[in-house]
């Protein structure tokens, strides 16, 4: 691999971190007490020119954990009418997280990255629910950094002057269907497009790659 191609890698771009876009739908705002109801993760890859794009998508509806609190206002917001309906095809937190983490570890290794980092819109919320569910399931090999995230709400506020996902996407010239919003699958895909767009725009403006001499 030539020097320029080595520079244009996911590993080099994010200092060894492997970015994974995540969105969750929940039955409230408290990660310790409220049910996790849906989760989606989109991995990212970089092409030979150093442009970022979505790679793999993995998505699950989740069964509420035993004793979970469920707020009706949250269900009205995300459109999940009955969290216990068998028609949702929901799986346990344990199964969903293990499958997601298996995919992340595989692609993280292929990208030669040292650790995954969560990308999300208002990322603290999603990160808290994922980490709390991982703790409930006693999962020891959690690929995500324990506290660091890339927050597209902050990034899009800087890049486009918008912090709401729908408005940020539209300002960036991306289509956004409000009827599809608040589905973990749709919101993750749009967040991935938004994050890639911001990263690629910064590159096009000359903000990356940084050479070794620039880093010193």
N, C-alpha and C. Protein backbone atom coordinates (compact mmCIF):
# COMPACT_ATOMS: atom_id res chain seq x y z
N UNK A 1 0.84 -1.19 0.00
CA UNK A 1 0.00 0.00 0.00
C UNK A 1 0.89 1.25 0.00
N UNK A 2 0.62 2.20 -0.89
CA UNK A 2 1.43 3.40 -0.97
C UNK A 2 1.18 4.28 0.24
N UNK A 3 2.06 5.28 0.40
CA UNK A 3 1.94 6.17 1.56
C UNK A 3 0.61 6.91 1.56
N UNK A 4 0.18 7.41 0.40
CA UNK A 4 -1.06 8.16 0.34
C UNK A 4 -2.26 7.25 0.62
N UNK A 5 -2.22 6.01 0.11
CA UNK A 5 -3.32 5.09 0.38
C UNK A 5 -3.36 4.68 1.85
N UNK A 6 -2.20 4.53 2.47
CA UNK A 6 -2.15 4.20 3.89
C UNK A 6 -2.79 5.31 4.72
N UNK A 7 -2.59 6.55 4.27
CA UNK A 7 -3.19 7.68 4.99
C UNK A 7 -4.70 7.68 4.87
N UNK A 8 -5.22 7.23 3.72
CA UNK A 8 -6.65 7.26 3.45
C UNK A 8 -7.33 5.97 3.92
N UNK A 9 -7.23 5.70 5.20
CA UNK A 9 -7.86 4.51 5.77
C UNK A 9 -8.69 4.91 6.98
N UNK A 10 -9.65 4.06 7.29
CA UNK A 10 -10.50 4.29 8.45
C UNK A 10 -9.66 4.36 9.72
N UNK A 11 -8.66 3.50 9.79
CA UNK A 11 -7.79 3.47 10.97
C UNK A 11 -7.09 4.80 11.17
N UNK A 12 -6.54 5.36 10.09
CA UNK A 12 -5.84 6.63 10.18
C UNK A 12 -6.80 7.80 10.43
N UNK A 13 -7.97 7.72 9.82
CA UNK A 13 -8.91 8.86 9.88
C UNK A 13 -9.38 9.15 11.29
N UNK A 14 -9.63 8.09 12.07
CA UNK A 14 -10.21 8.29 13.40
C UNK A 14 -9.29 7.76 14.51
N UNK A 15 -7.99 7.84 14.29
CA UNK A 15 -7.00 7.52 15.32
C UNK A 15 -7.20 6.11 15.89
N UNK A 16 -7.51 5.18 14.99
CA UNK A 16 -7.65 3.79 15.40
C UNK A 16 -9.06 3.41 15.82
N UNK A 17 -9.97 4.37 15.87
CA UNK A 17 -11.35 4.06 16.24
C UNK A 17 -12.15 3.62 15.02
N UNK A 18 -13.05 2.68 15.23
CA UNK A 18 -13.94 2.17 14.19
C UNK A 18 -15.34 2.73 14.44
N UNK A 19 -15.80 3.71 13.66
CA UNK A 19 -17.09 4.33 13.92
C UNK A 19 -18.26 3.44 13.51
N UNK A 20 -19.24 3.32 14.41
CA UNK A 20 -20.46 2.55 14.16
C UNK A 20 -21.65 3.43 14.52
N UNK A 21 -22.54 3.62 13.56
CA UNK A 21 -23.71 4.47 13.77
C UNK A 21 -24.81 3.65 14.43
N UNK A 22 -25.41 4.21 15.48
CA UNK A 22 -26.41 3.48 16.27
C UNK A 22 -27.62 4.38 16.53
N UNK A 23 -28.80 3.77 16.53
CA UNK A 23 -29.99 4.45 17.03
C UNK A 23 -30.83 3.45 17.80
N UNK A 24 -31.43 3.91 18.89
CA UNK A 24 -32.32 3.06 19.68
C UNK A 24 -33.68 3.73 19.80
N UNK A 25 -34.71 2.90 19.93
CA UNK A 25 -36.03 3.36 20.32
C UNK A 25 -36.33 2.73 21.67
N UNK A 26 -36.89 3.53 22.57
CA UNK A 26 -37.03 3.09 23.96
C UNK A 26 -38.42 3.40 24.49
N UNK A 27 -38.69 2.92 25.70
CA UNK A 27 -39.97 3.16 26.35
C UNK A 27 -39.87 4.26 27.40
N UNK A 28 -38.87 5.12 27.25
CA UNK A 28 -38.68 6.22 28.19
C UNK A 28 -37.28 6.77 28.06
N UNK A 29 -36.91 7.61 29.02
CA UNK A 29 -35.62 8.30 28.96
C UNK A 29 -34.59 7.75 29.93
N UNK A 30 -35.00 6.88 30.84
CA UNK A 30 -34.11 6.37 31.87
C UNK A 30 -33.54 5.02 31.43
N UNK A 31 -32.25 4.99 31.15
CA UNK A 31 -31.62 3.77 30.64
C UNK A 31 -31.61 2.64 31.66
N UNK A 32 -31.69 2.97 32.93
CA UNK A 32 -31.66 1.93 33.97
C UNK A 32 -33.00 1.26 34.17
N UNK A 33 -34.10 2.00 33.94
CA UNK A 33 -35.42 1.46 34.26
C UNK A 33 -36.32 1.24 33.06
N UNK A 34 -36.10 1.96 31.98
CA UNK A 34 -37.02 1.94 30.84
C UNK A 34 -36.57 0.96 29.76
N UNK A 35 -37.53 0.34 29.10
CA UNK A 35 -37.25 -0.73 28.15
C UNK A 35 -36.54 -0.22 26.89
N UNK A 36 -35.58 -1.00 26.43
CA UNK A 36 -34.99 -0.84 25.10
C UNK A 36 -35.86 -1.64 24.15
N UNK A 37 -36.43 -1.00 23.11
CA UNK A 37 -37.42 -1.65 22.26
C UNK A 37 -36.95 -1.91 20.84
N UNK A 38 -35.95 -1.19 20.38
CA UNK A 38 -35.47 -1.37 19.01
C UNK A 38 -34.05 -0.83 18.92
N UNK A 39 -33.23 -1.49 18.12
CA UNK A 39 -31.86 -1.02 17.94
C UNK A 39 -31.40 -1.33 16.52
N UNK A 40 -30.63 -0.41 15.98
CA UNK A 40 -30.02 -0.61 14.66
C UNK A 40 -28.60 -0.10 14.71
N UNK A 41 -27.72 -0.77 14.01
CA UNK A 41 -26.33 -0.34 13.88
C UNK A 41 -25.92 -0.39 12.42
N UNK A 42 -25.20 0.64 11.98
CA UNK A 42 -24.66 0.70 10.62
C UNK A 42 -23.16 0.89 10.73
N UNK A 43 -22.40 -0.05 10.18
CA UNK A 43 -20.95 0.10 10.14
C UNK A 43 -20.57 0.97 8.95
N UNK A 44 -19.35 1.50 9.00
CA UNK A 44 -18.89 2.39 7.95
C UNK A 44 -17.61 1.86 7.32
N UNK A 45 -17.36 2.27 6.10
CA UNK A 45 -16.14 1.88 5.39
C UNK A 45 -15.63 3.08 4.62
N UNK A 46 -14.36 3.01 4.23
CA UNK A 46 -13.75 4.10 3.49
C UNK A 46 -13.25 3.60 2.14
N UNK A 47 -13.54 4.35 1.07
CA UNK A 47 -13.10 3.93 -0.25
C UNK A 47 -11.64 4.35 -0.49
N UNK A 48 -11.13 4.02 -1.66
CA UNK A 48 -9.71 4.26 -1.94
C UNK A 48 -9.36 5.73 -1.99
N UNK A 49 -10.36 6.59 -2.16
CA UNK A 49 -10.11 8.02 -2.19
C UNK A 49 -10.30 8.69 -0.83
N UNK A 50 -10.59 7.86 0.18
CA UNK A 50 -10.73 8.40 1.53
C UNK A 50 -12.10 8.93 1.86
N UNK A 51 -13.12 8.57 1.07
CA UNK A 51 -14.49 8.99 1.35
C UNK A 51 -15.21 7.92 2.15
N UNK A 52 -15.96 8.37 3.12
CA UNK A 52 -16.66 7.47 4.04
C UNK A 52 -18.05 7.14 3.51
N UNK A 53 -18.49 5.90 3.70
CA UNK A 53 -19.82 5.49 3.25
C UNK A 53 -20.34 4.37 4.13
N UNK A 54 -21.68 4.20 4.22
CA UNK A 54 -22.24 3.10 5.00
C UNK A 54 -21.83 1.75 4.43
N UNK A 55 -21.65 0.77 5.32
CA UNK A 55 -21.25 -0.57 4.90
C UNK A 55 -22.37 -1.57 5.23
N UNK A 56 -22.36 -2.14 6.43
CA UNK A 56 -23.34 -3.16 6.81
C UNK A 56 -24.40 -2.59 7.76
N UNK A 57 -25.60 -3.15 7.68
CA UNK A 57 -26.70 -2.74 8.56
C UNK A 57 -27.23 -3.96 9.30
N UNK A 58 -27.45 -3.80 10.62
CA UNK A 58 -28.04 -4.87 11.42
C UNK A 58 -29.09 -4.25 12.33
N UNK A 59 -30.26 -4.88 12.40
CA UNK A 59 -31.42 -4.24 13.04
C UNK A 59 -32.25 -5.28 13.79
N UNK A 60 -32.71 -4.92 14.98
CA UNK A 60 -33.55 -5.82 15.78
C UNK A 60 -34.63 -5.04 16.51
N UNK A 61 -35.82 -5.67 16.60
CA UNK A 61 -36.82 -5.26 17.59
C UNK A 61 -36.50 -6.04 18.87
N UNK A 62 -36.67 -5.39 20.02
CA UNK A 62 -36.22 -5.95 21.28
C UNK A 62 -37.40 -6.20 22.23
N UNK A 63 -37.38 -7.37 22.88
CA UNK A 63 -38.35 -7.66 23.93
C UNK A 63 -38.03 -6.83 25.17
N UNK A 64 -39.03 -6.21 25.81
CA UNK A 64 -38.74 -5.48 27.05
C UNK A 64 -38.15 -6.43 28.09
N UNK A 65 -37.10 -5.99 28.77
CA UNK A 65 -36.52 -6.84 29.80
C UNK A 65 -37.48 -6.98 30.98
N UNK A 66 -37.33 -8.02 31.75
CA UNK A 66 -38.23 -8.30 32.87
C UNK A 66 -38.23 -7.15 33.86
N UNK A 67 -39.44 -6.64 34.14
CA UNK A 67 -39.58 -5.55 35.09
C UNK A 67 -39.36 -4.17 34.50
N UNK A 68 -39.20 -4.09 33.18
CA UNK A 68 -38.91 -2.80 32.54
C UNK A 68 -40.10 -1.86 32.65
N UNK A 69 -39.81 -0.59 32.84
CA UNK A 69 -40.83 0.45 32.84
C UNK A 69 -41.15 0.84 31.39
N UNK A 70 -42.43 1.06 31.12
CA UNK A 70 -42.85 1.45 29.77
C UNK A 70 -43.76 2.66 29.87
N UNK A 71 -43.31 3.76 29.31
CA UNK A 71 -44.08 5.01 29.32
C UNK A 71 -44.93 5.10 28.05
N UNK A 72 -46.22 5.33 28.22
CA UNK A 72 -47.11 5.41 27.07
C UNK A 72 -46.73 6.56 26.15
N UNK A 73 -46.27 7.66 26.71
CA UNK A 73 -45.88 8.81 25.89
C UNK A 73 -44.74 8.45 24.95
N UNK A 74 -43.83 7.59 25.42
CA UNK A 74 -42.71 7.16 24.58
C UNK A 74 -43.21 6.27 23.44
N UNK A 75 -44.17 5.40 23.73
CA UNK A 75 -44.74 4.54 22.69
C UNK A 75 -45.48 5.37 21.64
N UNK A 76 -46.19 6.40 22.10
CA UNK A 76 -46.90 7.27 21.17
C UNK A 76 -45.89 7.99 20.25
N UNK A 77 -44.74 8.32 20.80
CA UNK A 77 -43.72 9.04 20.04
C UNK A 77 -43.08 8.16 18.98
N UNK A 78 -42.72 6.93 19.36
CA UNK A 78 -42.00 6.07 18.40
C UNK A 78 -42.92 5.15 17.59
N UNK A 79 -44.22 5.17 17.90
CA UNK A 79 -45.17 4.42 17.10
C UNK A 79 -45.22 2.93 17.38
N UNK A 80 -44.60 2.49 18.47
CA UNK A 80 -44.67 1.07 18.85
C UNK A 80 -45.91 0.87 19.70
N UNK A 81 -46.96 0.32 19.11
CA UNK A 81 -48.25 0.25 19.79
C UNK A 81 -48.26 -0.77 20.92
N UNK A 82 -47.68 -1.93 20.68
CA UNK A 82 -47.66 -2.99 21.70
C UNK A 82 -46.29 -3.64 21.73
N UNK A 83 -45.46 -3.28 22.72
CA UNK A 83 -44.11 -3.84 22.79
C UNK A 83 -44.07 -5.36 22.97
N UNK A 84 -45.19 -5.94 23.40
CA UNK A 84 -45.23 -7.37 23.68
C UNK A 84 -45.88 -8.17 22.55
N UNK A 85 -46.25 -7.51 21.47
CA UNK A 85 -46.88 -8.19 20.35
C UNK A 85 -45.90 -9.15 19.66
N UNK A 86 -46.33 -10.41 19.45
CA UNK A 86 -45.45 -11.34 18.74
C UNK A 86 -45.20 -10.94 17.28
N UNK A 87 -46.04 -10.08 16.75
CA UNK A 87 -45.90 -9.64 15.36
C UNK A 87 -44.67 -8.75 15.18
N UNK A 88 -44.11 -8.24 16.28
CA UNK A 88 -42.91 -7.41 16.17
C UNK A 88 -41.69 -8.25 15.80
N UNK A 89 -41.74 -9.56 16.07
CA UNK A 89 -40.58 -10.40 15.81
C UNK A 89 -39.40 -10.03 16.70
N UNK A 90 -39.71 -9.63 17.92
CA UNK A 90 -38.67 -9.13 18.82
C UNK A 90 -37.81 -10.26 19.37
N UNK A 91 -36.58 -9.91 19.71
CA UNK A 91 -35.62 -10.85 20.30
C UNK A 91 -35.15 -10.26 21.63
N UNK A 92 -34.43 -11.05 22.39
CA UNK A 92 -33.93 -10.57 23.67
C UNK A 92 -32.79 -9.57 23.48
N UNK A 93 -32.57 -8.76 24.48
CA UNK A 93 -31.44 -7.84 24.46
C UNK A 93 -30.14 -8.60 24.26
N UNK A 94 -30.01 -9.72 24.96
CA UNK A 94 -28.79 -10.51 24.92
C UNK A 94 -28.49 -10.97 23.49
N UNK A 95 -29.50 -11.51 22.81
CA UNK A 95 -29.29 -12.00 21.44
C UNK A 95 -28.93 -10.86 20.50
N UNK A 96 -29.70 -9.76 20.57
CA UNK A 96 -29.46 -8.65 19.66
C UNK A 96 -28.07 -8.06 19.83
N UNK A 97 -27.68 -7.81 21.07
CA UNK A 97 -26.38 -7.20 21.32
C UNK A 97 -25.23 -8.12 20.91
N UNK A 98 -25.36 -9.41 21.18
CA UNK A 98 -24.30 -10.33 20.79
C UNK A 98 -24.12 -10.37 19.28
N UNK A 99 -25.23 -10.34 18.53
CA UNK A 99 -25.15 -10.36 17.07
C UNK A 99 -24.55 -9.05 16.54
N UNK A 100 -24.96 -7.94 17.13
CA UNK A 100 -24.41 -6.65 16.71
C UNK A 100 -22.93 -6.57 17.01
N UNK A 101 -22.54 -7.01 18.19
CA UNK A 101 -21.13 -6.93 18.58
C UNK A 101 -20.27 -7.88 17.75
N UNK A 102 -20.85 -9.01 17.36
CA UNK A 102 -20.12 -9.95 16.51
C UNK A 102 -19.78 -9.30 15.17
N UNK A 103 -20.75 -8.61 14.58
CA UNK A 103 -20.54 -7.92 13.31
C UNK A 103 -19.51 -6.80 13.47
N UNK A 104 -19.64 -6.03 14.53
CA UNK A 104 -18.72 -4.92 14.76
C UNK A 104 -17.29 -5.42 14.91
N UNK A 105 -17.10 -6.46 15.72
CA UNK A 105 -15.74 -6.98 15.93
C UNK A 105 -15.13 -7.49 14.63
N UNK A 106 -15.95 -8.14 13.81
CA UNK A 106 -15.46 -8.67 12.54
C UNK A 106 -14.99 -7.55 11.62
N UNK A 107 -15.79 -6.50 11.47
CA UNK A 107 -15.43 -5.42 10.56
C UNK A 107 -14.38 -4.50 11.16
N UNK A 108 -14.38 -4.37 12.46
CA UNK A 108 -13.34 -3.60 13.14
C UNK A 108 -11.98 -4.24 12.91
N UNK A 109 -11.93 -5.56 13.02
CA UNK A 109 -10.68 -6.28 12.80
C UNK A 109 -10.22 -6.13 11.35
N UNK A 110 -11.18 -6.23 10.42
CA UNK A 110 -10.83 -6.10 9.00
C UNK A 110 -10.28 -4.71 8.68
N UNK A 111 -10.75 -3.70 9.42
CA UNK A 111 -10.27 -2.33 9.21
C UNK A 111 -9.01 -2.03 10.01
N UNK A 112 -8.54 -3.02 10.78
CA UNK A 112 -7.34 -2.87 11.60
C UNK A 112 -7.47 -1.73 12.61
N UNK A 113 -8.68 -1.58 13.14
CA UNK A 113 -8.94 -0.56 14.16
C UNK A 113 -8.86 -1.19 15.55
N UNK A 114 -8.55 -0.37 16.53
CA UNK A 114 -8.33 -0.89 17.88
C UNK A 114 -9.59 -0.96 18.72
N UNK A 115 -10.59 -0.10 18.43
CA UNK A 115 -11.80 -0.09 19.23
C UNK A 115 -12.91 0.60 18.45
N UNK A 116 -14.15 0.19 18.73
CA UNK A 116 -15.30 0.84 18.10
C UNK A 116 -15.68 2.08 18.88
N UNK A 117 -16.24 3.06 18.18
CA UNK A 117 -16.77 4.26 18.82
C UNK A 117 -18.16 4.52 18.26
N UNK A 118 -19.11 4.83 19.13
CA UNK A 118 -20.49 5.01 18.71
C UNK A 118 -20.70 6.38 18.08
N UNK A 119 -21.39 6.37 16.95
CA UNK A 119 -21.85 7.59 16.30
C UNK A 119 -23.37 7.62 16.45
N UNK A 120 -23.93 8.70 16.95
CA UNK A 120 -25.38 8.76 17.13
C UNK A 120 -25.82 10.21 17.22
N UNK A 121 -27.11 10.43 17.01
CA UNK A 121 -27.67 11.78 17.10
C UNK A 121 -28.16 11.97 18.53
N UNK A 122 -27.56 12.94 19.24
CA UNK A 122 -27.71 13.06 20.70
C UNK A 122 -27.18 11.76 21.32
N UNK A 123 -25.89 11.54 21.10
CA UNK A 123 -25.26 10.24 21.31
C UNK A 123 -25.29 9.74 22.74
N UNK A 124 -25.29 10.63 23.72
CA UNK A 124 -25.29 10.19 25.12
C UNK A 124 -26.50 9.31 25.41
N UNK A 125 -27.64 9.66 24.84
CA UNK A 125 -28.87 8.89 25.07
C UNK A 125 -28.70 7.45 24.57
N UNK A 126 -28.31 7.28 23.33
CA UNK A 126 -28.17 5.95 22.75
C UNK A 126 -27.06 5.16 23.45
N UNK A 127 -25.96 5.83 23.72
CA UNK A 127 -24.82 5.17 24.39
C UNK A 127 -25.24 4.66 25.76
N UNK A 128 -25.98 5.47 26.52
CA UNK A 128 -26.41 5.04 27.85
C UNK A 128 -27.28 3.79 27.79
N UNK A 129 -28.22 3.74 26.83
CA UNK A 129 -29.12 2.58 26.74
C UNK A 129 -28.36 1.33 26.30
N UNK A 130 -27.44 1.47 25.37
CA UNK A 130 -26.68 0.31 24.90
C UNK A 130 -25.77 -0.22 26.01
N UNK A 131 -25.10 0.66 26.70
CA UNK A 131 -24.19 0.22 27.76
C UNK A 131 -24.95 -0.37 28.93
N UNK A 132 -26.11 0.19 29.26
CA UNK A 132 -26.91 -0.34 30.36
C UNK A 132 -27.46 -1.72 30.01
N UNK A 133 -27.92 -1.90 28.77
CA UNK A 133 -28.40 -3.21 28.33
C UNK A 133 -27.27 -4.23 28.34
N UNK A 134 -26.09 -3.81 27.93
CA UNK A 134 -24.93 -4.70 27.95
C UNK A 134 -24.61 -5.14 29.38
N UNK A 135 -24.76 -4.23 30.30
CA UNK A 135 -24.52 -4.57 31.72
C UNK A 135 -25.57 -5.52 32.23
N UNK A 136 -26.84 -5.30 31.86
CA UNK A 136 -27.91 -6.21 32.28
C UNK A 136 -27.64 -7.62 31.78
N UNK A 137 -27.12 -7.72 30.56
CA UNK A 137 -26.85 -9.02 29.94
C UNK A 137 -25.49 -9.59 30.34
N UNK A 138 -24.78 -8.83 31.19
CA UNK A 138 -23.46 -9.28 31.68
C UNK A 138 -22.49 -9.57 30.53
N UNK A 139 -22.53 -8.69 29.51
CA UNK A 139 -21.63 -8.83 28.37
C UNK A 139 -20.31 -8.15 28.71
N UNK A 140 -19.24 -8.90 28.69
CA UNK A 140 -17.94 -8.37 29.07
C UNK A 140 -17.17 -7.80 27.89
N UNK A 141 -17.40 -8.31 26.70
CA UNK A 141 -16.66 -7.85 25.53
C UNK A 141 -17.50 -6.85 24.74
N UNK A 142 -17.69 -5.68 25.32
CA UNK A 142 -18.43 -4.61 24.65
C UNK A 142 -17.44 -3.84 23.77
N UNK A 143 -17.65 -3.79 22.46
CA UNK A 143 -16.65 -3.18 21.58
C UNK A 143 -16.57 -1.67 21.66
N UNK A 144 -17.65 -1.02 22.13
CA UNK A 144 -17.68 0.43 22.14
C UNK A 144 -16.81 1.03 23.24
N UNK A 145 -16.25 2.20 22.94
CA UNK A 145 -15.55 2.97 23.97
C UNK A 145 -16.53 3.24 25.11
N UNK A 146 -16.08 3.15 26.36
CA UNK A 146 -17.01 3.26 27.49
C UNK A 146 -17.66 4.62 27.67
N UNK A 147 -17.08 5.68 27.09
CA UNK A 147 -17.73 6.99 27.26
C UNK A 147 -17.60 7.91 26.04
N UNK A 148 -16.60 7.74 25.20
CA UNK A 148 -16.41 8.62 24.05
C UNK A 148 -17.40 8.29 22.93
N UNK A 149 -17.90 9.32 22.26
CA UNK A 149 -18.84 9.15 21.14
C UNK A 149 -18.58 10.23 20.10
N UNK A 150 -19.14 10.03 18.90
CA UNK A 150 -19.26 11.10 17.91
C UNK A 150 -20.74 11.46 17.85
N UNK A 151 -21.07 12.69 18.19
CA UNK A 151 -22.47 13.13 18.25
C UNK A 151 -22.81 13.95 17.01
N UNK A 152 -23.69 13.43 16.16
CA UNK A 152 -24.03 14.13 14.93
C UNK A 152 -24.91 15.36 15.20
N UNK A 153 -25.54 15.44 16.36
CA UNK A 153 -26.29 16.66 16.69
C UNK A 153 -25.31 17.83 16.80
N UNK A 154 -24.20 17.61 17.50
CA UNK A 154 -23.18 18.65 17.63
C UNK A 154 -22.49 18.92 16.30
N UNK A 155 -22.15 17.85 15.59
CA UNK A 155 -21.44 18.02 14.31
C UNK A 155 -22.30 18.74 13.28
N UNK A 156 -23.59 18.41 13.21
CA UNK A 156 -24.45 19.07 12.24
C UNK A 156 -24.77 20.50 12.66
N UNK A 157 -24.74 20.77 13.97
CA UNK A 157 -24.88 22.14 14.42
C UNK A 157 -23.72 22.99 13.93
N UNK A 158 -22.53 22.41 13.95
CA UNK A 158 -21.34 23.11 13.45
C UNK A 158 -21.38 23.23 11.93
N UNK A 159 -21.70 22.13 11.25
CA UNK A 159 -21.61 22.10 9.79
C UNK A 159 -22.77 22.81 9.10
N UNK A 160 -23.98 22.68 9.66
CA UNK A 160 -25.17 23.16 8.95
C UNK A 160 -26.04 24.12 9.76
N UNK A 161 -25.69 24.37 11.02
CA UNK A 161 -26.51 25.25 11.84
C UNK A 161 -27.81 24.61 12.27
N UNK A 162 -27.88 23.27 12.22
CA UNK A 162 -29.09 22.55 12.59
C UNK A 162 -28.72 21.40 13.53
N UNK A 163 -29.52 21.18 14.56
CA UNK A 163 -29.26 20.08 15.50
C UNK A 163 -30.34 19.01 15.48
N UNK A 164 -31.47 19.29 14.87
CA UNK A 164 -32.54 18.29 14.71
C UNK A 164 -32.20 17.45 13.49
N UNK A 165 -32.31 16.12 13.62
CA UNK A 165 -31.88 15.22 12.55
C UNK A 165 -32.55 15.54 11.23
N UNK A 166 -33.87 15.67 11.23
CA UNK A 166 -34.59 15.93 9.98
C UNK A 166 -34.13 17.23 9.33
N UNK A 167 -34.00 18.29 10.13
CA UNK A 167 -33.60 19.58 9.59
C UNK A 167 -32.15 19.56 9.11
N UNK A 168 -31.29 18.85 9.83
CA UNK A 168 -29.89 18.76 9.42
C UNK A 168 -29.77 18.03 8.09
N UNK A 169 -30.51 16.94 7.94
CA UNK A 169 -30.46 16.18 6.68
C UNK A 169 -30.95 17.03 5.51
N UNK A 170 -32.06 17.73 5.72
CA UNK A 170 -32.61 18.56 4.65
C UNK A 170 -31.67 19.70 4.29
N UNK A 171 -31.04 20.31 5.30
CA UNK A 171 -30.09 21.38 5.04
C UNK A 171 -28.88 20.87 4.28
N UNK A 172 -28.51 19.61 4.54
CA UNK A 172 -27.38 18.99 3.85
C UNK A 172 -27.75 18.51 2.45
N UNK A 173 -29.01 18.69 2.06
CA UNK A 173 -29.45 18.27 0.73
C UNK A 173 -29.88 16.82 0.65
N UNK A 174 -30.16 16.22 1.81
CA UNK A 174 -30.57 14.81 1.86
C UNK A 174 -32.08 14.73 2.07
N UNK A 175 -32.70 13.75 1.45
CA UNK A 175 -34.13 13.54 1.65
C UNK A 175 -34.38 13.01 3.06
N UNK A 176 -35.50 13.41 3.65
CA UNK A 176 -35.89 12.90 4.96
C UNK A 176 -37.40 12.81 5.01
N UNK A 177 -37.89 11.59 5.27
CA UNK A 177 -39.33 11.33 5.33
C UNK A 177 -39.76 11.32 6.79
N UNK A 178 -40.48 12.35 7.21
CA UNK A 178 -40.90 12.44 8.61
C UNK A 178 -41.83 11.30 9.02
N UNK A 179 -42.51 10.69 8.04
CA UNK A 179 -43.39 9.57 8.36
C UNK A 179 -42.59 8.32 8.74
N UNK A 180 -41.35 8.23 8.24
CA UNK A 180 -40.49 7.09 8.54
C UNK A 180 -39.64 7.32 9.79
N UNK A 181 -39.60 8.55 10.27
CA UNK A 181 -38.74 8.91 11.40
C UNK A 181 -39.18 8.21 12.68
N UNK A 182 -38.25 8.11 13.62
CA UNK A 182 -38.45 7.46 14.91
C UNK A 182 -38.58 5.95 14.79
N UNK A 183 -38.14 5.43 13.67
CA UNK A 183 -37.83 4.00 13.52
C UNK A 183 -36.32 3.90 13.63
N UNK A 184 -35.84 2.97 14.45
CA UNK A 184 -34.39 2.86 14.63
C UNK A 184 -33.68 2.60 13.31
N UNK A 185 -34.28 1.78 12.45
CA UNK A 185 -33.67 1.46 11.17
C UNK A 185 -33.53 2.72 10.31
N UNK A 186 -34.61 3.46 10.16
CA UNK A 186 -34.58 4.65 9.30
C UNK A 186 -33.66 5.72 9.87
N UNK A 187 -33.79 5.98 11.16
CA UNK A 187 -32.99 7.04 11.78
C UNK A 187 -31.50 6.72 11.76
N UNK A 188 -31.15 5.44 11.91
CA UNK A 188 -29.73 5.08 11.85
C UNK A 188 -29.19 5.29 10.44
N UNK A 189 -29.95 4.89 9.45
CA UNK A 189 -29.51 5.07 8.07
C UNK A 189 -29.32 6.54 7.73
N UNK A 190 -30.24 7.39 8.18
CA UNK A 190 -30.13 8.82 7.90
C UNK A 190 -28.98 9.45 8.70
N UNK A 191 -28.78 8.99 9.92
CA UNK A 191 -27.66 9.49 10.72
C UNK A 191 -26.33 9.09 10.09
N UNK A 192 -26.27 7.87 9.56
CA UNK A 192 -25.05 7.42 8.88
C UNK A 192 -24.77 8.29 7.65
N UNK A 193 -25.81 8.58 6.88
CA UNK A 193 -25.64 9.44 5.70
C UNK A 193 -25.17 10.83 6.11
N UNK A 194 -25.75 11.35 7.20
CA UNK A 194 -25.39 12.68 7.66
C UNK A 194 -23.93 12.71 8.13
N UNK A 195 -23.53 11.73 8.93
CA UNK A 195 -22.16 11.69 9.43
C UNK A 195 -21.16 11.56 8.28
N UNK A 196 -21.43 10.64 7.36
CA UNK A 196 -20.53 10.48 6.21
C UNK A 196 -20.46 11.77 5.40
N UNK A 197 -21.59 12.43 5.23
CA UNK A 197 -21.61 13.67 4.47
C UNK A 197 -20.76 14.75 5.11
N UNK A 198 -20.83 14.86 6.44
CA UNK A 198 -20.04 15.86 7.14
C UNK A 198 -18.55 15.54 7.04
N UNK A 199 -18.20 14.28 7.26
CA UNK A 199 -16.79 13.87 7.19
C UNK A 199 -16.24 14.08 5.78
N UNK A 200 -17.00 13.70 4.78
CA UNK A 200 -16.53 13.84 3.40
C UNK A 200 -16.47 15.30 2.96
N UNK A 201 -17.39 16.11 3.47
CA UNK A 201 -17.37 17.54 3.14
C UNK A 201 -16.11 18.18 3.73
N UNK A 202 -15.78 17.81 4.95
CA UNK A 202 -14.57 18.34 5.60
C UNK A 202 -13.33 17.95 4.80
N UNK A 203 -13.31 16.72 4.32
CA UNK A 203 -12.18 16.27 3.49
C UNK A 203 -12.10 17.09 2.20
N UNK A 204 -13.24 17.31 1.56
CA UNK A 204 -13.27 18.05 0.30
C UNK A 204 -12.80 19.50 0.47
N UNK A 205 -13.00 20.03 1.67
CA UNK A 205 -12.57 21.40 1.95
C UNK A 205 -11.10 21.48 2.32
N UNK A 206 -10.43 20.33 2.35
CA UNK A 206 -9.00 20.31 2.62
C UNK A 206 -8.64 20.06 4.07
N UNK A 207 -9.63 19.66 4.89
CA UNK A 207 -9.37 19.46 6.31
C UNK A 207 -8.76 18.13 6.67
N UNK A 208 -8.62 17.23 5.70
CA UNK A 208 -8.06 15.91 5.93
C UNK A 208 -7.66 15.32 4.59
N UNK A 209 -6.63 14.50 4.46
CA UNK A 209 -5.82 13.92 5.53
C UNK A 209 -4.75 14.87 6.07
N UNK A 210 -4.33 14.58 7.28
CA UNK A 210 -3.24 15.31 7.91
C UNK A 210 -1.97 14.49 7.73
N UNK A 211 -0.92 15.09 7.22
CA UNK A 211 0.33 14.35 7.01
C UNK A 211 1.09 14.25 8.32
N UNK A 212 2.06 13.35 8.36
CA UNK A 212 2.87 13.16 9.55
C UNK A 212 3.55 14.46 9.96
N UNK A 213 3.99 15.24 8.97
CA UNK A 213 4.68 16.50 9.29
C UNK A 213 3.72 17.50 9.92
N UNK A 214 2.44 17.44 9.51
CA UNK A 214 1.43 18.34 10.09
C UNK A 214 1.13 17.97 11.53
N UNK A 215 1.24 16.68 11.87
CA UNK A 215 0.90 16.23 13.21
C UNK A 215 1.96 16.61 14.22
N UNK A 216 3.19 16.83 13.78
CA UNK A 216 4.29 17.12 14.68
C UNK A 216 4.24 18.58 15.16
